[in-house]
Amino acid sequence: MPEPITYTLSYGATKLNLALTDDRFVSKGSMQNVDIPLSALRHFCVAPAKSDLGGAYDSELVLSWDEAGKAKSKKLYVRNTDVSFKQFLSALEQRRPEASLLRLDPAAAQKQMGVTSTKKLAWIITLSLVAIILLAALVVGLSSGSGS
């Protein structure tokens, strides 16, 4: 059996290790652990991501796969400019060309995968928090107005 193709990225106190064998995709790291049979991999793409850690990463490798009849997905921070990541991605695309959505715009690829983009998720969370604050202020205002 040939050696697995690997990619390692360290950022902050976190270290991400990706390995690609003949039949598995394996990720090990802080809250980044997945072990997927390549036959279960549905789609993958790379989407830009902003790093608050001084450029420690610049993208997310977005994966979707089937597990026990359910669709699962994971976003893994990577540095798309690393030669070793490009080699890893090329090997993944060679093993599962039908799963690759690299030819698509990242937003379109994530939509096809049924994955919410990080940017869109940030907007949803922000708007939800604003709505909760406004609702709380409204309740407090109505209860103090009715008590007079």
C-alpha atoms as a PDB file:
ATOM      1  CA  MET A   1       0.000   0.000   0.000  1.00  0.00           C
ATOM      2  CA  PRO A   2       1.475   3.387  -0.971  1.00  0.00           C
ATOM      3  CA  GLU A   3       2.159   6.051   1.631  1.00  0.00           C
ATOM      4  CA  PRO A   4      -0.770   8.411   2.304  1.00  0.00           C
ATOM      5  CA  ILE A   5      -0.654  11.904   0.846  1.00  0.00           C
ATOM      6  CA  THR A   6      -0.598  14.373   3.724  1.00  0.00           C
ATOM      7  CA  TYR A   7      -1.037  18.050   4.455  1.00  0.00           C
ATOM      8  CA  THR A   8      -0.320  19.743   7.787  1.00  0.00           C
ATOM      9  CA  LEU A   9      -1.231  23.265   8.878  1.00  0.00           C
ATOM     10  CA  SER A  10      -0.442  24.846  12.233  1.00  0.00           C
ATOM     11  CA  TYR A  11      -2.178  28.024  13.366  1.00  0.00           C
ATOM     12  CA  GLY A  12      -2.334  29.367  16.890  1.00  0.00           C
ATOM     13  CA  ALA A  13      -2.364  26.419  19.260  1.00  0.00           C
ATOM     14  CA  THR A  14      -4.051  24.249  16.623  1.00  0.00           C
ATOM     15  CA  LYS A  15      -2.517  21.749  14.272  1.00  0.00           C
ATOM     16  CA  LEU A  16      -4.498  20.200  11.424  1.00  0.00           C
ATOM     17  CA  ASN A  17      -3.334  16.987   9.771  1.00  0.00           C
ATOM     18  CA  LEU A  18      -5.001  15.744   6.597  1.00  0.00           C
ATOM     19  CA  ALA A  19      -4.253  12.337   5.114  1.00  0.00           C
ATOM     20  CA  LEU A  20      -5.472  10.788   1.903  1.00  0.00           C
ATOM     21  CA  THR A  21      -5.085   7.052   1.453  1.00  0.00           C
ATOM     22  CA  ASP A  22      -6.272   4.883  -1.425  1.00  0.00           C
ATOM     23  CA  ASP A  23      -9.713   4.598   0.173  1.00  0.00           C
ATOM     24  CA  ARG A  24     -10.035   7.164   3.001  1.00  0.00           C
ATOM     25  CA  PHE A  25      -9.927  10.891   3.775  1.00  0.00           C
ATOM     26  CA  VAL A  26      -8.739  11.485   7.344  1.00  0.00           C
ATOM     27  CA  SER A  27      -8.528  14.778   9.231  1.00  0.00           C
ATOM     28  CA  LYS A  28      -7.084  15.099  12.731  1.00  0.00           C
ATOM     29  CA  GLY A  29      -7.017  18.304  14.726  1.00  0.00           C
ATOM     30  CA  SER A  30      -8.855  20.318  17.316  1.00  0.00           C
ATOM     31  CA  MET A  31     -12.566  19.734  16.535  1.00  0.00           C
ATOM     32  CA  GLN A  32     -11.521  18.823  12.997  1.00  0.00           C
ATOM     33  CA  ASN A  33     -11.572  15.018  13.255  1.00  0.00           C
ATOM     34  CA  VAL A  34     -13.182  13.138  10.400  1.00  0.00           C
ATOM     35  CA  ASP A  35     -12.511   9.751   8.856  1.00  0.00           C
ATOM     36  CA  ILE A  36     -14.448   9.309   5.625  1.00  0.00           C
ATOM     37  CA  PRO A  37     -14.392   6.462   3.141  1.00  0.00           C
ATOM     38  CA  LEU A  38     -13.661   8.051  -0.238  1.00  0.00           C
ATOM     39  CA  SER A  39     -16.650   6.157  -1.650  1.00  0.00           C
ATOM     40  CA  ALA A  40     -18.924   8.140   0.738  1.00  0.00           C
ATOM     41  CA  LEU A  41     -17.516  11.543  -0.285  1.00  0.00           C
ATOM     42  CA  ARG A  42     -20.274  13.416  -2.122  1.00  0.00           C
ATOM     43  CA  HIS A  43     -18.627  16.773  -2.872  1.00  0.00           C
ATOM     44  CA  PHE A  44     -15.721  18.995  -1.969  1.00  0.00           C
ATOM     45  CA  CYS A  45     -14.717  22.573  -2.750  1.00  0.00           C
ATOM     46  CA  VAL A  46     -12.413  25.309  -1.497  1.00  0.00           C
ATOM     47  CA  ALA A  47     -13.862  28.614  -0.294  1.00  0.00           C
ATOM     48  CA  PRO A  48     -11.957  31.744   0.734  1.00  0.00           C
ATOM     49  CA  ALA A  49     -11.851  32.468   4.469  1.00  0.00           C
ATOM     50  CA  LYS A  50     -10.479  35.375   6.458  1.00  0.00           C
ATOM     51  CA  SER A  51      -7.980  34.529   9.172  1.00  0.00           C
ATOM     52  CA  ASP A  52      -7.703  36.610  12.322  1.00  0.00           C
ATOM     53  CA  LEU A  53      -4.405  34.849  13.020  1.00  0.00           C
ATOM     54  CA  GLY A  54      -2.167  36.833  10.676  1.00  0.00           C
ATOM     55  CA  GLY A  55      -2.757  34.780   7.553  1.00  0.00           C
ATOM     56  CA  ALA A  56      -2.418  31.405   9.227  1.00  0.00           C
ATOM     57  CA  TYR A  57      -5.064  30.138   6.789  1.00  0.00           C
ATOM     58  CA  ASP A  58      -6.787  31.690   3.798  1.00  0.00           C
ATOM     59  CA  SER A  59      -9.445  29.142   2.819  1.00  0.00           C
ATOM     60  CA  GLU A  60     -11.758  26.385   3.937  1.00  0.00           C
ATOM     61  CA  LEU A  61     -11.802  22.914   2.452  1.00  0.00           C
ATOM     62  CA  VAL A  62     -15.519  22.124   2.492  1.00  0.00           C
ATOM     63  CA  LEU A  63     -16.503  18.445   2.398  1.00  0.00           C
ATOM     64  CA  SER A  64     -19.842  16.686   2.260  1.00  0.00           C
ATOM     65  CA  TRP A  65     -20.360  12.948   2.595  1.00  0.00           C
ATOM     66  CA  ASP A  66     -22.937  10.291   3.415  1.00  0.00           C
ATOM     67  CA  GLU A  67     -22.826   8.602   6.803  1.00  0.00           C
ATOM     68  CA  ALA A  68     -25.450   6.048   7.821  1.00  0.00           C
ATOM     69  CA  GLY A  69     -27.875   7.461   5.261  1.00  0.00           C
ATOM     70  CA  LYS A  70     -27.462  11.066   6.434  1.00  0.00           C
ATOM     71  CA  ALA A  71     -25.642  13.928   4.742  1.00  0.00           C
ATOM     72  CA  LYS A  72     -22.745  15.314   6.775  1.00  0.00           C
ATOM     73  CA  SER A  73     -20.401  18.213   6.096  1.00  0.00           C
ATOM     74  CA  LYS A  74     -17.257  19.738   7.523  1.00  0.00           C
ATOM     75  CA  LYS A  75     -15.208  22.870   6.925  1.00  0.00           C
ATOM     76  CA  LEU A  76     -11.479  22.617   7.493  1.00  0.00           C
ATOM     77  CA  TYR A  77      -9.207  25.672   7.539  1.00  0.00           C
ATOM     78  CA  VAL A  78      -6.366  25.399   5.037  1.00  0.00           C
ATOM     79  CA  ARG A  79      -3.835  27.605   3.305  1.00  0.00           C
ATOM     80  CA  ASN A  80      -4.771  27.368  -0.370  1.00  0.00           C
ATOM     81  CA  THR A  81      -1.474  28.991  -1.348  1.00  0.00           C
ATOM     82  CA  ASP A  82       0.596  26.128   0.150  1.00  0.00           C
ATOM     83  CA  VAL A  83       2.135  23.905  -2.495  1.00  0.00           C
ATOM     84  CA  SER A  84       1.568  20.872  -0.269  1.00  0.00           C
ATOM     85  CA  PHE A  85      -2.159  21.680  -0.012  1.00  0.00           C
ATOM     86  CA  LYS A  86      -2.415  22.062  -3.791  1.00  0.00           C
ATOM     87  CA  GLN A  87      -0.791  18.637  -4.166  1.00  0.00           C
ATOM     88  CA  PHE A  88      -3.189  17.169  -1.598  1.00  0.00           C
ATOM     89  CA  LEU A  89      -6.185  18.728  -3.382  1.00  0.00           C
ATOM     90  CA  SER A  90      -4.975  17.479  -6.751  1.00  0.00           C
ATOM     91  CA  ALA A  91      -4.666  13.939  -5.383  1.00  0.00           C
ATOM     92  CA  LEU A  92      -8.164  14.152  -3.888  1.00  0.00           C
ATOM     93  CA  GLU A  93      -9.544  15.342  -7.225  1.00  0.00           C
ATOM     94  CA  GLN A  94      -7.763  12.481  -9.031  1.00  0.00           C
ATOM     95  CA  ARG A  95      -9.279   9.911  -6.673  1.00  0.00           C
ATOM     96  CA  ARG A  96     -12.806  11.410  -6.725  1.00  0.00           C
ATOM     97  CA  PRO A  97     -13.158  13.634  -9.837  1.00  0.00           C
ATOM     98  CA  GLU A  98     -16.972  13.346  -9.809  1.00  0.00           C
ATOM     99  CA  ALA A  99     -17.072  14.782  -6.263  1.00  0.00           C
ATOM    100  CA  SER A 100     -15.004  17.852  -7.117  1.00  0.00           C
ATOM    101  CA  LEU A 101     -16.798  21.190  -7.269  1.00  0.00           C
ATOM    102  CA  LEU A 102     -13.545  23.121  -7.669  1.00  0.00           C
ATOM    103  CA  ARG A 103     -14.639  24.347 -11.114  1.00  0.00           C
ATOM    104  CA  LEU A 104     -17.593  26.217  -9.554  1.00  0.00           C
ATOM    105  CA  ASP A 105     -17.688  29.544  -7.760  1.00  0.00           C
ATOM    106  CA  PRO A 106     -17.296  28.750  -4.011  1.00  0.00           C
ATOM    107  CA  ALA A 107     -20.746  30.145  -3.122  1.00  0.00           C
ATOM    108  CA  ALA A 108     -22.413  28.104  -5.882  1.00  0.00           C
ATOM    109  CA  ALA A 109     -20.471  24.998  -4.838  1.00  0.00           C
ATOM    110  CA  GLN A 110     -21.528  25.339  -1.193  1.00  0.00           C
ATOM    111  CA  LYS A 111     -25.129  25.905  -2.254  1.00  0.00           C
ATOM    112  CA  GLN A 112     -25.027  22.714  -4.342  1.00  0.00           C
ATOM    113  CA  MET A 113     -23.581  20.895  -1.328  1.00  0.00           C
ATOM    114  CA  GLY A 114     -26.324  22.237   0.947  1.00  0.00           C
ATOM    115  CA  VAL A 115     -23.742  23.967   3.152  1.00  0.00           C
ATOM    116  CA  THR A 116     -24.193  27.501   4.468  1.00  0.00           C
ATOM    117  CA  SER A 117     -21.228  29.710   3.666  1.00  0.00           C
ATOM    118  CA  THR A 118     -19.344  31.132   6.651  1.00  0.00           C
ATOM    119  CA  LYS A 119     -20.081  34.690   5.537  1.00  0.00           C
ATOM    120  CA  LYS A 120     -23.820  33.983   5.242  1.00  0.00           C
ATOM    121  CA  LEU A 121     -23.828  32.208   8.615  1.00  0.00           C
ATOM    122  CA  ALA A 122     -22.169  35.245  10.241  1.00  0.00           C
ATOM    123  CA  TRP A 123     -24.934  37.496   8.849  1.00  0.00           C
ATOM    124  CA  ILE A 124     -27.657  35.139  10.098  1.00  0.00           C
ATOM    125  CA  ILE A 125     -26.158  35.064  13.604  1.00  0.00           C
ATOM    126  CA  THR A 126     -25.686  38.853  13.682  1.00  0.00           C
ATOM    127  CA  LEU A 127     -29.236  39.555  12.532  1.00  0.00           C
ATOM    128  CA  SER A 128     -30.606  37.008  15.014  1.00  0.00           C
ATOM    129  CA  LEU A 129     -28.750  38.691  17.879  1.00  0.00           C
ATOM    130  CA  VAL A 130     -30.023  42.129  16.831  1.00  0.00           C
ATOM    131  CA  ALA A 131     -33.579  40.755  16.633  1.00  0.00           C
ATOM    132  CA  ILE A 132     -33.302  39.258  20.136  1.00  0.00           C
ATOM    133  CA  ILE A 133     -31.979  42.527  21.577  1.00  0.00           C
ATOM    134  CA  LEU A 134     -34.767  44.529  19.906  1.00  0.00           C
ATOM    135  CA  LEU A 135     -37.388  42.049  21.108  1.00  0.00           C
ATOM    136  CA  ALA A 136     -36.050  42.222  24.678  1.00  0.00           C
ATOM    137  CA  ALA A 137     -36.059  46.032  24.552  1.00  0.00           C
ATOM    138  CA  LEU A 138     -39.623  45.983  23.239  1.00  0.00           C
ATOM    139  CA  VAL A 139     -40.791  43.627  26.004  1.00  0.00           C
ATOM    140  CA  VAL A 140     -39.085  45.721  28.689  1.00  0.00           C
ATOM    141  CA  GLY A 141     -40.545  48.903  27.186  1.00  0.00           C
ATOM    142  CA  LEU A 142     -44.066  47.465  27.045  1.00  0.00           C
ATOM    143  CA  SER A 143     -43.905  46.049  30.570  1.00  0.00           C
ATOM    144  CA  SER A 144     -42.608  49.296  32.067  1.00  0.00           C
ATOM    145  CA  GLY A 145     -45.194  51.298  30.068  1.00  0.00           C
ATOM    146  CA  SER A 146     -48.111  49.161  31.303  1.00  0.00           C
ATOM    147  CA  GLY A 147     -47.012  49.351  34.922  1.00  0.00           C
ATOM    148  CA  SER A 148     -47.477  53.147  35.126  1.00  0.00           C
END
